[in-house]
Amino acid sequence: LGLVTTLGLAMAPIPIAFAPIGGLAIFFAPIFFVQFKRKKRIAKFSSQLPDVLEMLSRSLRAGHSLAAGIGLVSEEMQDPIAVPNLDLRFFATAVILQRTTGGDLAEILDKIGRLVRSRFRLAGQIQALTGEGRLSGIVLLALPPGLFLVMLFLNYEYITKLFTDPMGQRLLGLAIVMQLMGAFVIRKIIDIKV
């Protein structure tokens, strides 16, 4: 897709410098899409995990084995399953520890369920509190390309100096690097781990 876009833009009646930029954007678009879908799936899994742990706990209290409880979860609960998740690692560690040291697995599962619910609630609060920062980041990151496109349509000769003049090319390169660095810094600021 990136190569086809680059070739198509190179043949279009626009400055040739847009060809690799458009090609790179299309090249990375599927990766960003898959990451978005993965993040959404993991978030759904995290929201389901406390219910799963409580169901396993009730199953153990009713006298079923852990394997039977997991079978019940697979029948009763919806997708997703088998997703890398920190809370699931807590569960796996608790089961392994209980197997080697003993103890009441149902009580351990209840406590992990409460812990996961608290983490999920805290993550929602952090999401709400960082909403303004995320929106500011989107606006700040969209402003330079948007202004560039506006200038491209309003004063084409003025903006083509960025592609034809050596100093303009250096400034354009510097602007792109600074834009990417800004995106990275903004992402780090609003990405709070729970």
Foldseek 3Di string as FASTA:
>chain_A
DLVVQLVVVCPDPDDNVVSNVRSVVVVCVVVVVVVVVLVVQQLVVLVCVLVLLLQLLVCVVVPHDSVVSVVVCVVPDDDDPPRDDPLVVLLVVLVVVCVVPNDRNSVVSNVSSVVSVVQSVVVVVLCVVCVVLVVVLVCVLVVVVVVLVVCCVVPVVVSCCLVVPPVSVVVVVVVVVVSVVSNVVSCVVSDDDD
